[in-house]
Amino acid sequence: MNVSLLNPIMFSKNCCPIRDKQSQTAVTIPNKSFGNEGLSLTSNYNKAFINKTAVSFKGYYGNQQPAKKLFWILSGTSDVYENQYTNSHLYRGGNTGWKKWVQLPPEELLKFNPKDSIEAICSLTKQPNCYPGIPSYIPTPNYGDRWGRRANYIEINPRTIACTRGGEKTEGLLSLIKLLPAIPPSPTSFANCIILSQLYPAFERDGETGDSSLYTANLYSGISKNLTSKGLCRGDQKMGDDELVKSFNDLAHMRGLKTGIRMPLSSGQLKVQGGNFDWYHNQDDFINACCDAVDLGFDAIYFDSAKHVGNYDMSNYHGNGSVPNFQQMQYITEQIKVRTKRCDISLIGEKCDKDYRNKEMGLSAGTDWSRPDNFDSVLYEYDQQRYNDDYATGPDISNDNDYGGMSYEQRLNRVKNSLNGFRDPGFKLPSFMQMQDLFPMNNYTNTHKQMMESQNHSPYSDDTYSHFNNLFNPDGRWLTDAVYNEFANVMYR
């Protein structure tokens, strides 16, 4: 029997590995010229095909097979076995074609050993009649350069689901890996993209409980302690923080998912190694921080406060500090693509409407139109924006300012309208949802509170399992099942 590395239908064809920076034995990719003309969205350049040279940011120099390294550190072996427990809990018993996911409560998945979670991911993505395995090279799912214009974005706060022991928060990325088997893979016509609420450290109490706003980012200070894992090693082999991020992205890509991060644009909400940030002196630092994220495997960047670029509509601005001017934002979006040599990155603007200026800023999608309660309204917006295949603004099912007042019935109705409001799936509007819309949290917290506070939901302080048990609302499991049904309905359209 063959060892299955992945189901090839889910991924780009004819992809070969990039050159290993630590070895001379990997296949070398031929150089391709890349100038500003390469930014045309008609050119489907993928970073996998381009030899990285002459870039002005550090880039990723870790292990070129980080998912394999992570599995070996967790298990002590390279042998991947089929996870029969998750196979026995597949949505619809696995009767969903070759795109499968598990139907288990999130709190149960978060109690898995991460080694078992990786085996579950491999089991879900393996080819029929083959053993599961981790590929040597894992490309991002291929939905073309314009995938971000019609994607469905699911924001998940890794700090919320991190291991919580007393006043400490850690291992958020491992918790995200544990949830991956329960997130439906991308449908045929559009991508599902997981947006992380945080990648870089917040200003205060990073890795701790207490007041700590995730609307802040301290650039060039490593990866947030909320996400990383202390002492993740076996023998003399240590898992670097950047390798852990890259392994998460690789495993998400195995699941047929895109990934991205949230980045603030307000100067008062940014720092560079603890020092003050301003757009005159630190523009390049911001660009390189975005490039570093892309080099770690992320496919999208969600720009907080993007609506206000160029001091637009400042009477409704709630950020702290200045935002880039219009020409700066054009330069930023262009340079992210040029320096990473990737034209398939999705750049999303918070509260950006269908005004042409947002397309000219280099954005792929905006979130201005936020009331998908009526199906005819979604279809009307679809008709209004269908002509533009480069940029569209789409409905918020809920966003980071959700205070939890919406009923489950209303959330489900919004999911249904947002995922089905099209005539041609190739021109579907982008849609935006939160973890709360898929895995409802308890009634004493909400999405916005989780953005502002690092909480421990355990009455026993240092009991992580108790935190997981109390974080989610068992009465909301019917919503999870109903949302699963909506994803299944559009899976092959």
Protein backbone atom coordinates (compact mmCIF):
# COMPACT_ATOMS: atom_id res chain seq x y z
CA MET A 1 0.00 0.00 0.00
CA ASN A 2 1.27 3.46 -0.83
CA VAL A 3 1.84 6.20 1.68
CA SER A 4 -0.51 9.08 0.99
CA LEU A 5 1.00 12.51 1.47
CA LEU A 6 -2.06 14.49 0.52
CA ASN A 7 -5.05 14.42 -1.76
CA PRO A 8 -3.65 16.10 -4.90
CA ILE A 9 -7.06 17.42 -5.93
CA MET A 10 -6.90 19.89 -3.06
CA PHE A 11 -3.65 21.52 -4.05
CA SER A 12 -1.77 23.27 -6.83
CA LYS A 13 -0.52 21.00 -9.57
CA ASN A 14 3.10 20.69 -10.68
CA CYS A 15 4.42 22.47 -7.57
CA CYS A 16 7.99 21.74 -6.58
CA PRO A 17 9.79 22.62 -3.35
CA ILE A 18 11.64 25.89 -2.87
CA ARG A 19 15.37 25.71 -2.41
CA ASP A 20 16.34 24.57 1.07
CA LYS A 21 18.46 27.34 2.58
CA GLN A 22 20.21 24.81 4.82
CA SER A 23 20.93 22.21 2.17
CA GLN A 24 22.28 22.02 -1.36
CA THR A 25 20.32 18.87 -2.26
CA ALA A 26 16.88 20.35 -2.83
CA VAL A 27 15.57 21.10 -6.28
CA THR A 28 16.57 24.56 -7.47
CA ILE A 29 13.82 26.66 -8.96
CA PRO A 30 14.70 28.70 -12.02
CA ASN A 31 14.76 32.46 -11.64
CA LYS A 32 11.85 34.47 -12.93
CA SER A 33 11.93 38.18 -13.57
CA PHE A 34 9.64 40.12 -11.29
CA GLY A 35 9.11 43.82 -11.51
CA ASN A 36 6.16 46.09 -10.90
CA GLU A 37 4.56 44.76 -14.04
CA GLY A 38 4.38 41.39 -12.28
CA LEU A 39 1.76 42.80 -9.96
CA SER A 40 -0.89 42.22 -12.60
CA LEU A 41 -3.52 39.98 -11.08
CA THR A 42 -3.68 38.08 -14.36
CA SER A 43 -0.27 36.58 -13.58
CA ASN A 44 -0.73 33.66 -11.22
CA TYR A 45 2.70 33.80 -9.61
CA ASN A 46 3.02 31.63 -6.55
CA LYS A 47 5.96 31.99 -4.23
CA ALA A 48 6.64 28.29 -4.67
CA PHE A 49 7.78 28.90 -8.24
CA ILE A 50 10.04 31.87 -7.56
CA ASN A 51 13.61 31.69 -6.28
CA LYS A 52 13.81 34.10 -3.34
CA THR A 53 16.68 36.50 -3.84
CA ALA A 54 17.45 40.10 -3.07
CA VAL A 55 14.67 40.68 -0.57
CA SER A 56 15.05 43.31 2.11
CA PHE A 57 13.51 41.40 5.00
CA LYS A 58 14.91 38.52 7.00
CA GLY A 59 12.66 35.78 5.63
CA TYR A 60 12.18 32.29 6.98
CA TYR A 61 15.40 30.32 7.54
CA GLY A 62 14.04 27.54 9.72
CA ASN A 63 13.53 23.89 8.91
CA GLN A 64 12.04 23.49 5.44
CA GLN A 65 9.75 20.69 6.65
CA PRO A 66 8.55 22.14 9.97
CA ALA A 67 5.37 20.05 10.20
CA LYS A 68 7.45 16.87 10.04
CA LYS A 69 9.83 18.26 12.62
CA LEU A 70 6.95 19.21 14.93
CA PHE A 71 5.43 15.73 14.66
CA TRP A 72 8.77 14.09 15.41
CA ILE A 73 9.33 16.28 18.47
CA LEU A 74 5.80 15.53 19.73
CA SER A 75 5.86 11.78 19.07
CA GLY A 76 9.48 10.62 18.82
CA THR A 77 8.73 8.96 15.49
CA SER A 78 8.20 9.90 11.86
CA ASP A 79 5.49 7.26 11.42
CA VAL A 80 2.01 8.74 11.07
CA TYR A 81 -0.92 6.47 11.92
CA GLU A 82 -4.54 6.83 10.99
CA ASN A 83 -6.64 8.45 13.72
CA GLN A 84 -9.58 6.10 14.07
CA TYR A 85 -11.30 8.16 16.75
CA THR A 86 -11.75 11.19 14.52
CA ASN A 87 -12.62 8.91 11.60
CA SER A 88 -15.54 7.65 13.66
CA HIS A 89 -16.76 11.22 14.29
CA LEU A 90 -16.79 12.63 10.77
CA TYR A 91 -19.49 15.10 9.78
CA ARG A 92 -22.27 13.11 8.10
CA GLY A 93 -20.21 10.00 8.75
CA GLY A 94 -17.74 11.14 6.10
CA ASN A 95 -20.41 11.27 3.41
CA THR A 96 -19.13 14.59 2.04
CA GLY A 97 -16.99 13.44 -0.86
CA TRP A 98 -13.26 13.94 -0.48
CA LYS A 99 -13.63 17.08 1.67
CA LYS A 100 -14.09 15.87 5.23
CA TRP A 101 -14.13 17.32 8.73
CA VAL A 102 -14.91 16.04 12.20
CA GLN A 103 -18.01 16.77 14.25
CA LEU A 104 -16.74 17.00 17.81
CA PRO A 105 -17.17 19.72 20.47
CA PRO A 106 -14.28 22.20 20.37
CA GLU A 107 -13.52 21.69 24.05
CA GLU A 108 -12.96 17.98 23.37
CA LEU A 109 -10.66 18.68 20.44
CA LEU A 110 -8.62 21.12 22.54
CA LYS A 111 -7.89 18.29 25.01
CA PHE A 112 -6.25 16.18 22.31
CA ASN A 113 -2.55 15.48 22.36
CA PRO A 114 -1.27 17.67 19.47
CA LYS A 115 0.40 14.57 18.00
CA ASP A 116 -3.07 12.98 17.68
CA SER A 117 -4.40 16.18 16.10
CA ILE A 118 -1.73 16.08 13.39
CA GLU A 119 -2.56 12.44 12.72
CA ALA A 120 -6.23 13.44 12.45
CA ILE A 121 -5.32 16.09 9.85
CA CYS A 122 -3.29 13.57 7.88
CA SER A 123 -6.14 11.05 8.06
CA LEU A 124 -8.64 13.60 6.74
CA THR A 125 -6.45 14.59 3.77
CA LYS A 126 -5.00 11.25 2.70
CA GLN A 127 -5.86 9.63 -0.61
CA PRO A 128 -8.17 6.60 -0.55
CA ASN A 129 -6.55 3.22 0.15
CA CYS A 130 -3.33 4.84 1.31
CA TYR A 131 -1.60 5.43 4.60
CA PRO A 132 -1.59 8.98 6.02
CA GLY A 133 1.58 11.03 5.97
CA ILE A 134 3.04 14.53 6.07
CA PRO A 135 4.22 15.80 2.67
CA SER A 136 7.76 17.08 2.25
CA TYR A 137 6.33 20.12 0.48
CA ILE A 138 2.93 21.62 1.24
CA PRO A 139 1.67 24.37 -1.10
CA THR A 140 -1.12 26.76 -0.24
CA PRO A 141 -4.44 25.71 -1.81
CA ASN A 142 -4.56 27.10 -5.33
CA TYR A 143 -7.54 29.41 -5.86
CA GLY A 144 -5.74 31.80 -8.18
CA ASP A 145 -4.46 35.29 -7.50
CA ARG A 146 -7.90 36.80 -6.91
CA TRP A 147 -9.04 34.28 -4.31
CA GLY A 148 -9.24 36.94 -1.58
CA ARG A 149 -11.96 38.86 -3.42
CA ARG A 150 -14.48 36.03 -2.88
CA ALA A 151 -13.14 34.17 0.16
CA ASN A 152 -14.92 33.40 3.41
CA TYR A 153 -12.81 34.66 6.33
CA ILE A 154 -13.05 33.11 9.80
CA GLU A 155 -11.22 35.07 12.51
CA ILE A 156 -10.02 33.03 15.47
CA ASN A 157 -8.34 34.49 18.54
CA PRO A 158 -5.49 32.11 19.47
CA ARG A 159 -5.20 33.66 22.92
CA THR A 160 -8.79 32.66 23.69
CA ILE A 161 -8.12 28.97 23.06
CA ALA A 162 -4.56 28.95 24.42
CA CYS A 163 -3.56 26.72 27.32
CA THR A 164 -4.40 28.73 30.44
CA ARG A 165 -2.72 27.88 33.70
CA GLY A 166 -3.27 30.42 36.43
CA GLY A 167 -2.07 33.73 35.02
CA GLU A 168 -0.19 32.22 32.08
CA LYS A 169 -1.31 31.92 28.44
CA THR A 170 0.65 29.74 26.04
CA GLU A 171 0.47 27.20 23.20
CA GLY A 172 -2.14 29.06 21.18
CA LEU A 173 -0.80 27.69 17.89
CA LEU A 174 -0.98 24.10 19.10
CA SER A 175 -4.59 24.77 20.13
CA LEU A 176 -5.32 26.11 16.65
CA ILE A 177 -3.85 22.94 15.16
CA LYS A 178 -6.19 20.94 17.38
CA LEU A 179 -9.22 22.81 15.99
CA LEU A 180 -8.23 22.40 12.33
CA PRO A 181 -9.95 19.00 11.88
CA ALA A 182 -13.30 20.59 12.86
CA ILE A 183 -13.11 23.53 10.43
CA PRO A 184 -14.66 22.75 7.02
CA PRO A 185 -12.09 22.86 4.20
CA SER A 186 -12.47 25.32 1.36
CA PRO A 187 -15.35 24.72 -1.07
CA THR A 188 -14.66 24.20 -4.74
CA SER A 189 -15.34 27.80 -5.81
CA PHE A 190 -13.94 29.87 -2.95
CA ALA A 191 -11.44 29.60 -0.12
CA ASN A 192 -12.05 29.45 3.60
CA CYS A 193 -9.36 31.55 5.27
CA ILE A 194 -8.52 31.51 8.99
CA ILE A 195 -7.48 34.95 10.25
CA LEU A 196 -5.45 34.98 13.47
CA SER A 197 -6.33 37.89 15.75
CA GLN A 198 -2.70 38.04 16.83
CA LEU A 199 0.77 37.08 15.64
CA TYR A 200 3.08 39.66 17.22
CA PRO A 201 3.12 40.52 20.96
CA ALA A 202 0.61 42.97 22.41
CA PHE A 203 1.86 46.00 24.33
CA GLU A 204 0.94 44.64 27.76
CA ARG A 205 0.82 41.27 29.53
CA ASP A 206 1.80 39.18 26.54
CA GLY A 207 1.49 35.55 27.59
CA GLU A 208 -0.45 36.49 30.72
CA THR A 209 -4.05 36.92 31.80
CA GLY A 210 -5.50 40.36 32.47
CA ASP A 211 -6.24 43.48 30.45
CA SER A 212 -4.28 43.28 27.22
CA SER A 213 -5.56 44.70 23.94
CA LEU A 214 -4.92 42.69 20.79
CA TYR A 215 -5.45 45.88 18.80
CA THR A 216 -1.76 46.58 19.53
CA ALA A 217 1.36 44.97 18.07
CA ASN A 218 5.01 45.22 19.12
CA LEU A 219 6.89 44.54 15.90
CA TYR A 220 10.32 42.85 15.81
CA SER A 221 9.81 41.43 19.28
CA GLY A 222 9.31 37.83 18.21
CA ILE A 223 6.08 35.86 18.09
CA SER A 224 3.53 36.41 20.85
CA LYS A 225 3.98 34.20 23.90
CA ASN A 226 0.25 33.51 23.71
CA LEU A 227 0.98 31.44 20.60
CA THR A 228 4.32 29.77 21.28
CA SER A 229 5.25 26.76 23.40
CA LYS A 230 8.04 26.76 25.95
CA GLY A 231 10.32 23.73 25.99
CA LEU A 232 9.00 22.22 22.75
CA CYS A 233 12.01 20.02 22.01
CA ARG A 234 13.29 16.45 21.86
CA GLY A 235 16.94 15.86 22.65
CA ASP A 236 18.94 18.63 21.04
CA GLN A 237 16.16 19.37 18.52
CA LYS A 238 14.23 22.49 19.53
CA MET A 239 11.16 23.82 17.74
CA GLY A 240 11.76 27.48 16.95
CA ASP A 241 8.88 29.92 17.27
CA ASP A 242 9.03 30.70 13.55
CA GLU A 243 9.05 26.97 12.76
CA LEU A 244 5.96 26.48 14.91
CA VAL A 245 4.14 29.24 13.01
CA LYS A 246 5.22 27.75 9.68
CA SER A 247 4.10 24.27 10.74
CA PHE A 248 0.66 25.62 11.67
CA ASN A 249 0.33 27.21 8.26
CA ASP A 250 1.48 24.06 6.50
CA LEU A 251 -1.04 21.94 8.40
CA ALA A 252 -3.82 24.43 7.66
CA HIS A 253 -2.87 24.32 3.98
CA MET A 254 -3.02 20.52 4.17
CA ARG A 255 -6.60 20.92 5.38
CA GLY A 256 -7.40 23.00 2.30
CA LEU A 257 -7.51 26.28 4.23
CA LYS A 258 -5.90 29.66 3.63
CA THR A 259 -4.49 31.61 6.59
CA GLY A 260 -3.92 35.24 7.52
CA ILE A 261 -3.30 37.69 10.36
CA ARG A 262 -4.81 40.93 11.69
CA MET A 263 -2.53 43.99 11.63
CA PRO A 264 -3.35 47.43 13.08
CA LEU A 265 -2.66 50.53 10.99
CA SER A 266 -2.88 53.14 13.78
CA SER A 267 0.56 54.43 14.73
CA GLY A 268 -0.31 54.63 18.43
CA GLN A 269 -1.16 50.94 18.37
CA LEU A 270 2.19 49.91 16.92
CA LYS A 271 5.68 49.74 18.40
CA VAL A 272 9.04 48.62 17.06
CA GLN A 273 10.94 46.63 19.68
CA GLY A 274 9.14 48.59 22.36
CA GLY A 275 9.89 51.99 20.84
CA ASN A 276 7.38 54.45 19.45
CA PHE A 277 6.12 54.04 15.90
CA ASP A 278 5.39 56.75 13.36
CA TRP A 279 4.61 56.45 9.68
CA TYR A 280 7.41 58.79 8.62
CA HIS A 281 10.25 56.80 10.19
CA ASN A 282 8.82 53.27 10.46
CA GLN A 283 6.97 52.67 7.22
CA ASP A 284 9.59 50.14 6.10
CA ASP A 285 9.49 48.36 9.47
CA PHE A 286 5.76 47.84 9.02
CA ILE A 287 6.16 46.51 5.48
CA ASN A 288 8.88 44.08 6.53
CA ALA A 289 6.80 42.84 9.48
CA CYS A 290 4.00 42.04 7.02
CA CYS A 291 6.49 40.36 4.70
CA ASP A 292 7.84 38.26 7.56
CA ALA A 293 4.31 37.01 8.25
CA VAL A 294 3.82 36.10 4.60
CA ASP A 295 7.19 34.33 4.58
CA LEU A 296 6.00 32.24 7.54
CA GLY A 297 3.21 30.94 5.31
CA PHE A 298 0.29 33.34 5.80
CA ASP A 299 -1.79 34.14 2.73
CA ALA A 300 -3.72 37.21 3.89
CA ILE A 301 -3.39 40.37 5.99
CA TYR A 302 -6.42 42.03 7.55
CA PHE A 303 -5.69 45.73 8.05
CA ASP A 304 -7.47 47.19 11.06
CA SER A 305 -8.77 50.78 10.47
CA ALA A 306 -8.03 50.60 6.73
CA LYS A 307 -11.17 52.62 6.03
CA HIS A 308 -9.48 55.71 7.47
CA VAL A 309 -6.36 55.63 5.29
CA GLY A 310 -5.70 59.13 4.02
CA ASN A 311 -7.62 60.61 6.99
CA TYR A 312 -10.90 59.46 5.44
CA ASP A 313 -14.06 59.67 7.60
CA MET A 314 -12.02 60.54 10.71
CA SER A 315 -15.15 61.56 12.63
CA ASN A 316 -15.79 57.82 13.04
CA TYR A 317 -12.17 56.91 13.72
CA HIS A 318 -11.66 55.13 17.05
CA GLY A 319 -7.99 54.24 16.74
CA ASN A 320 -5.01 55.79 18.47
CA GLY A 321 -2.56 57.80 16.39
CA SER A 322 -2.18 58.53 12.69
CA VAL A 323 -2.86 56.21 9.78
CA PRO A 324 -0.95 56.03 6.47
CA ASN A 325 -1.82 58.48 3.73
CA PHE A 326 -3.30 57.15 0.51
CA GLN A 327 -0.02 57.02 -1.43
CA GLN A 328 1.73 55.32 1.49
CA MET A 329 -0.93 52.61 1.57
CA GLN A 330 -0.55 52.05 -2.16
CA TYR A 331 3.20 51.69 -1.65
CA ILE A 332 2.73 49.35 1.34
CA THR A 333 0.43 46.94 -0.48
CA GLU A 334 2.64 46.98 -3.57
CA GLN A 335 5.84 46.37 -1.62
CA ILE A 336 4.39 43.46 0.37
CA LYS A 337 3.77 41.69 -2.93
CA VAL A 338 7.08 42.72 -4.51
CA ARG A 339 9.29 41.80 -1.57
CA THR A 340 7.61 38.45 -0.93
CA LYS A 341 7.34 37.78 -4.67
CA ARG A 342 3.74 36.70 -4.20
CA CYS A 343 0.89 38.19 -6.17
CA ASP A 344 -1.70 35.86 -4.62
CA ILE A 345 -1.78 37.56 -1.20
CA SER A 346 -5.18 38.79 -0.04
CA LEU A 347 -5.14 42.25 1.57
CA ILE A 348 -8.35 43.05 3.44
CA GLY A 349 -9.50 46.46 4.65
CA GLU A 350 -11.67 46.79 7.74
CA LYS A 351 -14.87 48.79 7.04
CA CYS A 352 -13.77 49.51 3.47
CA ASP A 353 -16.77 50.02 1.20
CA LYS A 354 -17.14 49.53 -2.55
CA ASP A 355 -15.61 52.92 -3.33
CA TYR A 356 -13.02 52.65 -6.12
CA ARG A 357 -10.35 54.17 -3.84
CA ASN A 358 -10.12 50.90 -1.90
CA LYS A 359 -9.27 48.93 -5.03
CA GLU A 360 -6.69 51.59 -5.90
CA MET A 361 -5.13 51.12 -2.47
CA GLY A 362 -4.30 47.57 -3.52
CA LEU A 363 -6.92 45.82 -1.39
CA SER A 364 -8.60 42.56 -2.34
CA ALA A 365 -11.66 42.76 -0.08
CA GLY A 366 -13.45 45.08 2.35
CA THR A 367 -15.93 44.57 5.18
CA ASP A 368 -18.06 47.73 5.03
CA TRP A 369 -21.40 46.18 4.16
CA SER A 370 -22.37 44.45 7.39
CA ARG A 371 -26.06 43.51 7.49
CA PRO A 372 -26.60 40.18 5.70
CA ASP A 373 -29.92 39.52 7.47
CA ASN A 374 -31.82 39.73 4.19
CA PHE A 375 -30.94 37.38 1.33
CA ASP A 376 -32.21 39.80 -1.32
CA SER A 377 -29.89 42.51 0.04
CA VAL A 378 -26.88 40.20 -0.30
CA LEU A 379 -27.93 39.30 -3.84
CA TYR A 380 -28.39 42.98 -4.68
CA GLU A 381 -24.86 43.76 -3.48
CA TYR A 382 -23.60 40.79 -5.48
CA ASP A 383 -25.17 42.24 -8.64
CA GLN A 384 -23.76 45.70 -7.90
CA GLN A 385 -20.17 44.46 -7.55
CA ARG A 386 -20.03 41.56 -9.94
CA TYR A 387 -18.29 43.66 -12.60
CA ASN A 388 -15.19 44.04 -10.40
CA ASP A 389 -13.14 40.86 -10.18
CA ASP A 390 -10.23 42.54 -8.38
CA TYR A 391 -11.96 43.94 -5.30
CA ALA A 392 -15.30 43.61 -3.51
CA THR A 393 -16.73 44.48 -0.13
CA GLY A 394 -18.79 41.85 1.58
CA PRO A 395 -21.00 41.14 4.58
CA ASP A 396 -19.92 40.76 8.19
CA ILE A 397 -21.71 37.87 9.86
CA SER A 398 -20.08 39.26 12.98
CA ASN A 399 -16.81 41.10 13.64
CA ASP A 400 -14.32 41.89 16.38
CA ASN A 401 -16.73 44.45 17.88
CA ASP A 402 -19.36 41.78 18.56
CA TYR A 403 -20.59 42.11 22.15
CA GLY A 404 -22.56 38.87 22.02
CA GLY A 405 -26.09 40.24 21.76
CA MET A 406 -26.97 38.44 18.53
CA SER A 407 -29.15 35.33 18.78
CA TYR A 408 -27.96 32.03 17.35
CA GLU A 409 -30.86 32.11 14.91
CA GLN A 410 -29.72 35.48 13.55
CA ARG A 411 -26.14 34.27 13.23
CA LEU A 412 -27.27 31.21 11.30
CA ASN A 413 -29.44 33.30 8.99
CA ARG A 414 -26.48 35.58 8.26
CA VAL A 415 -24.22 32.61 7.53
CA LYS A 416 -26.81 31.15 5.19
CA ASN A 417 -27.34 34.40 3.28
CA SER A 418 -23.62 35.24 3.07
CA LEU A 419 -22.56 31.83 1.75
CA ASN A 420 -25.44 31.51 -0.72
CA GLY A 421 -25.94 35.10 -1.94
CA PHE A 422 -24.66 34.70 -5.49
CA ARG A 423 -25.72 33.69 -8.98
CA ASP A 424 -22.25 32.60 -10.07
CA PRO A 425 -19.97 31.30 -7.28
CA GLY A 426 -16.95 32.67 -9.14
CA PHE A 427 -18.12 36.19 -8.23
CA LYS A 428 -19.35 35.52 -4.70
CA LEU A 429 -18.90 38.42 -2.30
CA PRO A 430 -16.27 38.01 0.41
CA SER A 431 -17.77 37.16 3.79
CA PHE A 432 -16.43 37.56 7.31
CA MET A 433 -17.21 35.63 10.47
CA GLN A 434 -15.78 35.01 13.92
CA MET A 435 -15.12 31.85 15.91
CA GLN A 436 -18.29 32.75 17.84
CA ASP A 437 -20.34 32.07 14.67
CA LEU A 438 -18.93 28.54 14.39
CA PHE A 439 -18.06 27.56 17.97
CA PRO A 440 -20.26 29.68 20.29
CA MET A 441 -18.66 30.82 23.54
CA ASN A 442 -20.35 31.03 26.93
CA ASN A 443 -22.79 33.83 27.70
CA TYR A 444 -20.35 35.65 30.01
CA THR A 445 -17.85 36.58 27.35
CA ASN A 446 -17.87 37.75 23.73
CA THR A 447 -15.57 38.39 20.79
CA HIS A 448 -14.76 41.99 21.69
CA LYS A 449 -14.08 41.19 25.33
CA GLN A 450 -11.67 38.48 24.20
CA MET A 451 -9.87 41.06 22.07
CA MET A 452 -9.47 43.39 25.05
CA GLU A 453 -8.88 40.90 27.88
CA SER A 454 -6.86 37.74 28.35
CA GLN A 455 -9.26 35.58 30.35
CA ASN A 456 -9.10 32.41 32.42
CA HIS A 457 -12.49 30.69 32.52
CA SER A 458 -11.45 28.05 35.03
CA PRO A 459 -12.60 28.43 38.66
CA TYR A 460 -9.60 26.31 39.63
CA SER A 461 -7.06 28.79 38.25
CA ASP A 462 -4.50 26.35 36.82
CA ASP A 463 -6.85 23.76 35.27
CA THR A 464 -6.57 24.14 31.50
CA TYR A 465 -9.24 21.52 30.78
CA SER A 466 -11.65 23.41 33.01
CA HIS A 467 -10.90 26.59 31.04
CA PHE A 468 -11.79 24.79 27.81
CA ASN A 469 -14.96 23.29 29.30
CA ASN A 470 -16.22 26.65 30.51
CA LEU A 471 -15.17 28.65 27.44
CA PHE A 472 -17.75 27.21 25.07
CA ASN A 473 -21.52 27.04 25.36
CA PRO A 474 -22.95 23.48 25.09
CA ASP A 475 -26.31 25.00 24.16
CA GLY A 476 -24.70 26.35 20.99
CA ARG A 477 -23.73 23.00 19.52
CA TRP A 478 -26.83 22.99 17.35
CA LEU A 479 -25.54 26.21 15.75
CA THR A 480 -22.24 24.51 14.93
CA ASP A 481 -24.08 21.62 13.29
CA ALA A 482 -26.36 24.01 11.38
CA VAL A 483 -23.39 26.07 10.12
CA TYR A 484 -21.72 22.82 9.06
CA ASN A 485 -24.82 22.11 6.97
CA GLU A 486 -24.48 25.46 5.22
CA PHE A 487 -20.84 24.79 4.38
CA ALA A 488 -21.76 21.33 3.10
CA ASN A 489 -24.42 22.88 0.84
CA VAL A 490 -21.85 25.05 -0.96
CA MET A 491 -18.90 22.65 -0.75
CA TYR A 492 -19.03 21.52 -4.37
CA ARG A 493 -20.81 24.44 -6.04
